[in-house]
Amino acid sequence: PGYAASKGGVGSMVKAFANEWASKGVNVNGLAPGYIATDNTEALRDDPERSKSILDRIPAGRWGTPEDFKGPA
């Protein structure tokens, strides 16, 4: 619950900053990764049923990797 709440808070903050600063010519961007193959998600990835359920909802059909953020971040 804490992770989801903090992720939602960051998304809202990005939108608020974007609205506030747009008139000053400032662009605000945020990265909001979904399921990434890290130690945090190892248990999900190791469970075939849960992993399939997650992968079925990901348009790319794969877990993201930390390397996916090298350019944007």
PDB file of N, CA and C in Angstrom:
ATOM      1  N   PRO A   1       0.814  -1.219   0.000  1.00  0.00           N
ATOM      2  CA  PRO A   1       0.000   0.000   0.000  1.00  0.00           C
ATOM      3  C   PRO A   1       0.850   1.273   0.000  1.00  0.00           C
ATOM      4  N   GLY A   2       1.945   1.263   0.757  1.00  0.00           N
ATOM      5  CA  GLY A   2       2.789   2.451   0.825  1.00  0.00           C
ATOM      6  C   GLY A   2       3.432   2.772  -0.507  1.00  0.00           C
ATOM      7  N   TYR A   3       3.857   1.738  -1.230  1.00  0.00           N
ATOM      8  CA  TYR A   3       4.489   1.950  -2.535  1.00  0.00           C
ATOM      9  C   TYR A   3       3.487   2.565  -3.502  1.00  0.00           C
ATOM     10  N   ALA A   4       2.282   2.004  -3.535  1.00  0.00           N
ATOM     11  CA  ALA A   4       1.259   2.518  -4.452  1.00  0.00           C
ATOM     12  C   ALA A   4       0.881   3.948  -4.106  1.00  0.00           C
ATOM     13  N   ALA A   5       0.772   4.235  -2.827  1.00  0.00           N
ATOM     14  CA  ALA A   5       0.418   5.591  -2.406  1.00  0.00           C
ATOM     15  C   ALA A   5       1.504   6.589  -2.792  1.00  0.00           C
ATOM     16  N   SER A   6       2.759   6.210  -2.584  1.00  0.00           N
ATOM     17  CA  SER A   6       3.842   7.143  -2.919  1.00  0.00           C
ATOM     18  C   SER A   6       3.954   7.332  -4.429  1.00  0.00           C
ATOM     19  N   LYS A   7       3.729   6.262  -5.202  1.00  0.00           N
ATOM     20  CA  LYS A   7       3.784   6.382  -6.657  1.00  0.00           C
ATOM     21  C   LYS A   7       2.660   7.288  -7.152  1.00  0.00           C
ATOM     22  N   GLY A   8       1.474   7.136  -6.575  1.00  0.00           N
ATOM     23  CA  GLY A   8       0.355   8.010  -6.933  1.00  0.00           C
ATOM     24  C   GLY A   8       0.624   9.453  -6.560  1.00  0.00           C
ATOM     25  N   GLY A   9       1.267   9.649  -5.419  1.00  0.00           N
ATOM     26  CA  GLY A   9       1.608  10.998  -4.978  1.00  0.00           C
ATOM     27  C   GLY A   9       2.592  11.675  -5.906  1.00  0.00           C
ATOM     28  N   VAL A  10       3.568  10.929  -6.374  1.00  0.00           N
ATOM     29  CA  VAL A  10       4.553  11.497  -7.304  1.00  0.00           C
ATOM     30  C   VAL A  10       3.870  11.874  -8.618  1.00  0.00           C
ATOM     31  N   GLY A  11       2.975  11.027  -9.097  1.00  0.00           N
ATOM     32  CA  GLY A  11       2.246  11.340 -10.326  1.00  0.00           C
ATOM     33  C   GLY A  11       1.423  12.610 -10.192  1.00  0.00           C
ATOM     34  N   SER A  12       0.751  12.752  -9.067  1.00  0.00           N
ATOM     35  CA  SER A  12      -0.040  13.959  -8.816  1.00  0.00           C
ATOM     36  C   SER A  12       0.847  15.189  -8.696  1.00  0.00           C
ATOM     37  N   MET A  13       1.992  15.039  -8.071  1.00  0.00           N
ATOM     38  CA  MET A  13       2.919  16.155  -7.921  1.00  0.00           C
ATOM     39  C   MET A  13       3.430  16.626  -9.287  1.00  0.00           C
ATOM     40  N   VAL A  14       3.754  15.675 -10.166  1.00  0.00           N
ATOM     41  CA  VAL A  14       4.228  16.030 -11.502  1.00  0.00           C
ATOM     42  C   VAL A  14       3.149  16.822 -12.241  1.00  0.00           C
ATOM     43  N   LYS A  15       1.898  16.369 -12.161  1.00  0.00           N
ATOM     44  CA  LYS A  15       0.805  17.084 -12.829  1.00  0.00           C
ATOM     45  C   LYS A  15       0.619  18.478 -12.247  1.00  0.00           C
ATOM     46  N   ALA A  16       0.688  18.589 -10.935  1.00  0.00           N
ATOM     47  CA  ALA A  16       0.522  19.896 -10.289  1.00  0.00           C
ATOM     48  C   ALA A  16       1.643  20.850 -10.686  1.00  0.00           C
ATOM     49  N   PHE A  17       2.884  20.371 -10.669  1.00  0.00           N
ATOM     50  CA  PHE A  17       4.010  21.219 -11.081  1.00  0.00           C
ATOM     51  C   PHE A  17       3.869  21.627 -12.548  1.00  0.00           C
ATOM     52  N   ALA A  18       3.462  20.690 -13.400  1.00  0.00           N
ATOM     53  CA  ALA A  18       3.299  20.999 -14.820  1.00  0.00           C
ATOM     54  C   ALA A  18       2.259  22.100 -15.011  1.00  0.00           C
ATOM     55  N   ASN A  19       1.141  22.010 -14.305  1.00  0.00           N
ATOM     56  CA  ASN A  19       0.101  23.040 -14.403  1.00  0.00           C
ATOM     57  C   ASN A  19       0.586  24.376 -13.867  1.00  0.00           C
ATOM     58  N   GLU A  20       1.301  24.344 -12.776  1.00  0.00           N
ATOM     59  CA  GLU A  20       1.772  25.575 -12.138  1.00  0.00           C
ATOM     60  C   GLU A  20       2.843  26.280 -12.966  1.00  0.00           C
ATOM     61  N   TRP A  21       3.743  25.532 -13.548  1.00  0.00           N
ATOM     62  CA  TRP A  21       4.914  26.128 -14.191  1.00  0.00           C
ATOM     63  C   TRP A  21       4.791  26.285 -15.704  1.00  0.00           C
ATOM     64  N   ALA A  22       3.737  25.754 -16.307  1.00  0.00           N
ATOM     65  CA  ALA A  22       3.578  25.846 -17.765  1.00  0.00           C
ATOM     66  C   ALA A  22       3.574  27.294 -18.239  1.00  0.00           C
ATOM     67  N   SER A  23       2.928  28.174 -17.502  1.00  0.00           N
ATOM     68  CA  SER A  23       2.854  29.584 -17.911  1.00  0.00           C
ATOM     69  C   SER A  23       4.214  30.273 -17.861  1.00  0.00           C
ATOM     70  N   LYS A  24       5.158  29.657 -17.188  1.00  0.00           N
ATOM     71  CA  LYS A  24       6.516  30.208 -17.087  1.00  0.00           C
ATOM     72  C   LYS A  24       7.466  29.552 -18.095  1.00  0.00           C
ATOM     73  N   GLY A  25       6.910  28.707 -18.970  1.00  0.00           N
ATOM     74  CA  GLY A  25       7.716  28.043 -19.989  1.00  0.00           C
ATOM     75  C   GLY A  25       8.495  26.841 -19.496  1.00  0.00           C
ATOM     76  N   VAL A  26       8.135  26.338 -18.326  1.00  0.00           N
ATOM     77  CA  VAL A  26       8.846  25.187 -17.759  1.00  0.00           C
ATOM     78  C   VAL A  26       8.070  23.910 -18.071  1.00  0.00           C
ATOM     79  N   ASN A  27       8.744  22.942 -18.665  1.00  0.00           N
ATOM     80  CA  ASN A  27       8.158  21.625 -18.903  1.00  0.00           C
ATOM     81  C   ASN A  27       8.500  20.714 -17.737  1.00  0.00           C
ATOM     82  N   VAL A  28       7.536  19.952 -17.291  1.00  0.00           N
ATOM     83  CA  VAL A  28       7.746  19.004 -16.195  1.00  0.00           C
ATOM     84  C   VAL A  28       7.468  17.606 -16.730  1.00  0.00           C
ATOM     85  N   ASN A  29       8.407  16.712 -16.530  1.00  0.00           N
ATOM     86  CA  ASN A  29       8.264  15.329 -16.973  1.00  0.00           C
ATOM     87  C   ASN A  29       8.419  14.395 -15.784  1.00  0.00           C
ATOM     88  N   GLY A  30       7.806  13.248 -15.888  1.00  0.00           N
ATOM     89  CA  GLY A  30       7.948  12.243 -14.843  1.00  0.00           C
ATOM     90  C   GLY A  30       8.054  10.860 -15.463  1.00  0.00           C
ATOM     91  N   LEU A  31       8.792   9.994 -14.825  1.00  0.00           N
ATOM     92  CA  LEU A  31       8.878   8.595 -15.237  1.00  0.00           C
ATOM     93  C   LEU A  31       8.042   7.777 -14.267  1.00  0.00           C
ATOM     94  N   ALA A  32       7.186   6.928 -14.808  1.00  0.00           N
ATOM     95  CA  ALA A  32       6.329   6.097 -13.965  1.00  0.00           C
ATOM     96  C   ALA A  32       6.407   4.648 -14.447  1.00  0.00           C
ATOM     97  N   PRO A  33       7.495   3.980 -14.126  1.00  0.00           N
ATOM     98  CA  PRO A  33       7.648   2.608 -14.611  1.00  0.00           C
ATOM     99  C   PRO A  33       6.621   1.667 -14.008  1.00  0.00           C
ATOM    100  N   GLY A  34       6.320   0.650 -14.765  1.00  0.00           N
ATOM    101  CA  GLY A  34       5.413  -0.382 -14.281  1.00  0.00           C
ATOM    102  C   GLY A  34       6.206  -1.497 -13.620  1.00  0.00           C
ATOM    103  N   TYR A  35       5.969  -2.714 -14.066  1.00  0.00           N
ATOM    104  CA  TYR A  35       6.657  -3.861 -13.482  1.00  0.00           C
ATOM    105  C   TYR A  35       8.059  -3.988 -14.072  1.00  0.00           C
ATOM    106  N   ILE A  36       9.052  -3.901 -13.200  1.00  0.00           N
ATOM    107  CA  ILE A  36      10.448  -3.951 -13.609  1.00  0.00           C
ATOM    108  C   ILE A  36      11.104  -5.185 -12.986  1.00  0.00           C
ATOM    109  N   ALA A  37      11.926  -5.871 -13.753  1.00  0.00           N
ATOM    110  CA  ALA A  37      12.622  -7.066 -13.264  1.00  0.00           C
ATOM    111  C   ALA A  37      13.757  -6.640 -12.328  1.00  0.00           C
ATOM    112  N   THR A  38      13.454  -6.617 -11.037  1.00  0.00           N
ATOM    113  CA  THR A  38      14.434  -6.276 -10.004  1.00  0.00           C
ATOM    114  C   THR A  38      14.293  -7.274  -8.866  1.00  0.00           C
ATOM    115  N   ASP A  39      15.128  -7.132  -7.852  1.00  0.00           N
ATOM    116  CA  ASP A  39      15.011  -7.992  -6.668  1.00  0.00           C
ATOM    117  C   ASP A  39      13.631  -7.845  -6.024  1.00  0.00           C
ATOM    118  N   ASN A  40      13.055  -6.646  -6.121  1.00  0.00           N
ATOM    119  CA  ASN A  40      11.740  -6.372  -5.530  1.00  0.00           C
ATOM    120  C   ASN A  40      10.632  -7.225  -6.142  1.00  0.00           C
ATOM    121  N   THR A  41      10.766  -7.575  -7.413  1.00  0.00           N
ATOM    122  CA  THR A  41       9.710  -8.313  -8.108  1.00  0.00           C
ATOM    123  C   THR A  41      10.065  -9.781  -8.346  1.00  0.00           C
ATOM    124  N   GLU A  42      11.128 -10.238  -7.733  1.00  0.00           N
ATOM    125  CA  GLU A  42      11.585 -11.616  -7.963  1.00  0.00           C
ATOM    126  C   GLU A  42      10.516 -12.647  -7.608  1.00  0.00           C
ATOM    127  N   ALA A  43       9.839 -12.474  -6.485  1.00  0.00           N
ATOM    128  CA  ALA A  43       8.812 -13.441  -6.076  1.00  0.00           C
ATOM    129  C   ALA A  43       7.675 -13.493  -7.095  1.00  0.00           C
ATOM    130  N   LEU A  44       7.287 -12.354  -7.636  1.00  0.00           N
ATOM    131  CA  LEU A  44       6.236 -12.326  -8.659  1.00  0.00           C
ATOM    132  C   LEU A  44       6.694 -13.028  -9.929  1.00  0.00           C
ATOM    133  N   ARG A  45       7.919 -12.763 -10.337  1.00  0.00           N
ATOM    134  CA  ARG A  45       8.440 -13.368 -11.563  1.00  0.00           C
ATOM    135  C   ARG A  45       8.628 -14.869 -11.415  1.00  0.00           C
ATOM    136  N   ASP A  46       8.933 -15.323 -10.214  1.00  0.00           N
ATOM    137  CA  ASP A  46       9.162 -16.750  -9.970  1.00  0.00           C
ATOM    138  C   ASP A  46       7.867 -17.550  -9.859  1.00  0.00           C
ATOM    139  N   ASP A  47       6.742 -16.878  -9.720  1.00  0.00           N
ATOM    140  CA  ASP A  47       5.440 -17.538  -9.621  1.00  0.00           C
ATOM    141  C   ASP A  47       4.798 -17.516 -11.014  1.00  0.00           C
ATOM    142  N   PRO A  48       4.777 -18.659 -11.706  1.00  0.00           N
ATOM    143  CA  PRO A  48       4.302 -18.683 -13.096  1.00  0.00           C
ATOM    144  C   PRO A  48       2.896 -18.103 -13.281  1.00  0.00           C
ATOM    145  N   GLU A  49       1.994 -18.412 -12.375  1.00  0.00           N
ATOM    146  CA  GLU A  49       0.612 -17.930 -12.507  1.00  0.00           C
ATOM    147  C   GLU A  49       0.529 -16.411 -12.337  1.00  0.00           C
ATOM    148  N   ARG A  50       1.167 -15.908 -11.306  1.00  0.00           N
ATOM    149  CA  ARG A  50       1.138 -14.460 -11.066  1.00  0.00           C
ATOM    150  C   ARG A  50       1.895 -13.708 -12.155  1.00  0.00           C
ATOM    151  N   SER A  51       3.024 -14.261 -12.581  1.00  0.00           N
ATOM    152  CA  SER A  51       3.810 -13.615 -13.625  1.00  0.00           C
ATOM    153  C   SER A  51       3.014 -13.534 -14.926  1.00  0.00           C
ATOM    154  N   LYS A  52       2.339 -14.612 -15.295  1.00  0.00           N
ATOM    155  CA  LYS A  52       1.524 -14.611 -16.513  1.00  0.00           C
ATOM    156  C   LYS A  52       0.412 -13.584 -16.410  1.00  0.00           C
ATOM    157  N   SER A  53      -0.234 -13.512 -15.260  1.00  0.00           N
ATOM    158  CA  SER A  53      -1.311 -12.539 -15.058  1.00  0.00           C
ATOM    159  C   SER A  53      -0.809 -11.112 -15.269  1.00  0.00           C
ATOM    160  N   ILE A  54       0.379 -10.835 -14.783  1.00  0.00           N
ATOM    161  CA  ILE A  54       0.971  -9.498 -14.943  1.00  0.00           C
ATOM    162  C   ILE A  54       1.371  -9.270 -16.398  1.00  0.00           C
ATOM    163  N   LEU A  55       2.066 -10.227 -16.990  1.00  0.00           N
ATOM    164  CA  LEU A  55       2.535 -10.072 -18.366  1.00  0.00           C
ATOM    165  C   LEU A  55       1.379  -9.908 -19.351  1.00  0.00           C
ATOM    166  N   ASP A  56       0.245 -10.541 -19.066  1.00  0.00           N
ATOM    167  CA  ASP A  56      -0.922 -10.416 -19.939  1.00  0.00           C
ATOM    168  C   ASP A  56      -1.453  -8.984 -19.988  1.00  0.00           C
ATOM    169  N   ARG A  57      -1.124  -8.171 -18.981  1.00  0.00           N
ATOM    170  CA  ARG A  57      -1.605  -6.779 -18.927  1.00  0.00           C
ATOM    171  C   ARG A  57      -0.565  -5.773 -19.408  1.00  0.00           C
ATOM    172  N   ILE A  58       0.617  -6.243 -19.765  1.00  0.00           N
ATOM    173  CA  ILE A  58       1.686  -5.349 -20.214  1.00  0.00           C
ATOM    174  C   ILE A  58       1.712  -5.363 -21.741  1.00  0.00           C
ATOM    175  N   PRO A  59       1.470  -4.215 -22.395  1.00  0.00           N
ATOM    176  CA  PRO A  59       1.437  -4.192 -23.859  1.00  0.00           C
ATOM    177  C   PRO A  59       2.701  -4.756 -24.519  1.00  0.00           C
ATOM    178  N   ALA A  60       3.862  -4.519 -23.936  1.00  0.00           N
ATOM    179  CA  ALA A  60       5.113  -5.034 -24.514  1.00  0.00           C
ATOM    180  C   ALA A  60       5.264  -6.534 -24.289  1.00  0.00           C
ATOM    181  N   GLY A  61       4.480  -7.097 -23.369  1.00  0.00           N
ATOM    182  CA  GLY A  61       4.530  -8.531 -23.116  1.00  0.00           C
ATOM    183  C   GLY A  61       5.776  -9.010 -22.401  1.00  0.00           C
ATOM    184  N   ARG A  62       6.467  -8.096 -21.726  1.00  0.00           N
ATOM    185  CA  ARG A  62       7.686  -8.479 -21.005  1.00  0.00           C
ATOM    186  C   ARG A  62       7.850  -7.588 -19.783  1.00  0.00           C
ATOM    187  N   TRP A  63       8.652  -8.075 -18.844  1.00  0.00           N
ATOM    188  CA  TRP A  63       9.018  -7.257 -17.692  1.00  0.00           C
ATOM    189  C   TRP A  63       9.984  -6.177 -18.165  1.00  0.00           C
ATOM    190  N   GLY A  64       9.863  -4.998 -17.627  1.00  0.00           N
ATOM    191  CA  GLY A  64      10.824  -3.947 -17.930  1.00  0.00           C
ATOM    192  C   GLY A  64      12.149  -4.254 -17.253  1.00  0.00           C
ATOM    193  N   THR A  65      13.181  -3.562 -17.679  1.00  0.00           N
ATOM    194  CA  THR A  65      14.498  -3.720 -17.063  1.00  0.00           C
ATOM    195  C   THR A  65      15.020  -2.342 -16.663  1.00  0.00           C
ATOM    196  N   PRO A  66      15.906  -2.290 -15.695  1.00  0.00           N
ATOM    197  CA  PRO A  66      16.491  -0.993 -15.331  1.00  0.00           C
ATOM    198  C   PRO A  66      17.159  -0.306 -16.525  1.00  0.00           C
ATOM    199  N   GLU A  67      17.673  -1.089 -17.464  1.00  0.00           N
ATOM    200  CA  GLU A  67      18.324  -0.520 -18.643  1.00  0.00           C
ATOM    201  C   GLU A  67      17.350   0.268 -19.516  1.00  0.00           C
ATOM    202  N   ASP A  68      16.055  -0.025 -19.401  1.00  0.00           N
ATOM    203  CA  ASP A  68      15.047   0.699 -20.177  1.00  0.00           C
ATOM    204  C   ASP A  68      15.029   2.188 -19.852  1.00  0.00           C
ATOM    205  N   PHE A  69      15.610   2.575 -18.734  1.00  0.00           N
ATOM    206  CA  PHE A  69      15.537   3.966 -18.285  1.00  0.00           C
ATOM    207  C   PHE A  69      16.831   4.737 -18.496  1.00  0.00           C
ATOM    208  N   LYS A  70      17.807   4.112 -19.146  1.00  0.00           N
ATOM    209  CA  LYS A  70      19.094   4.788 -19.351  1.00  0.00           C
ATOM    210  C   LYS A  70      18.936   6.081 -20.135  1.00  0.00           C
ATOM    211  N   GLY A  71      18.162   6.075 -21.197  1.00  0.00           N
ATOM    212  CA  GLY A  71      17.975   7.277 -22.004  1.00  0.00           C
ATOM    213  C   GLY A  71      17.095   8.309 -21.313  1.00  0.00           C
ATOM    214  N   PRO A  72      15.878   7.926 -20.929  1.00  0.00           N
ATOM    215  CA  PRO A  72      14.964   8.902 -20.328  1.00  0.00           C
ATOM    216  C   PRO A  72      15.463   9.496 -19.014  1.00  0.00           C
ATOM    217  N   ALA A  73      16.127   8.696 -18.220  1.00  0.00           N
ATOM    218  CA  ALA A  73      16.573   9.205 -16.919  1.00  0.00           C
ATOM    219  C   ALA A  73      17.966   9.756 -17.049  1.00  0.00           C
TER     220      ALA A  73
END
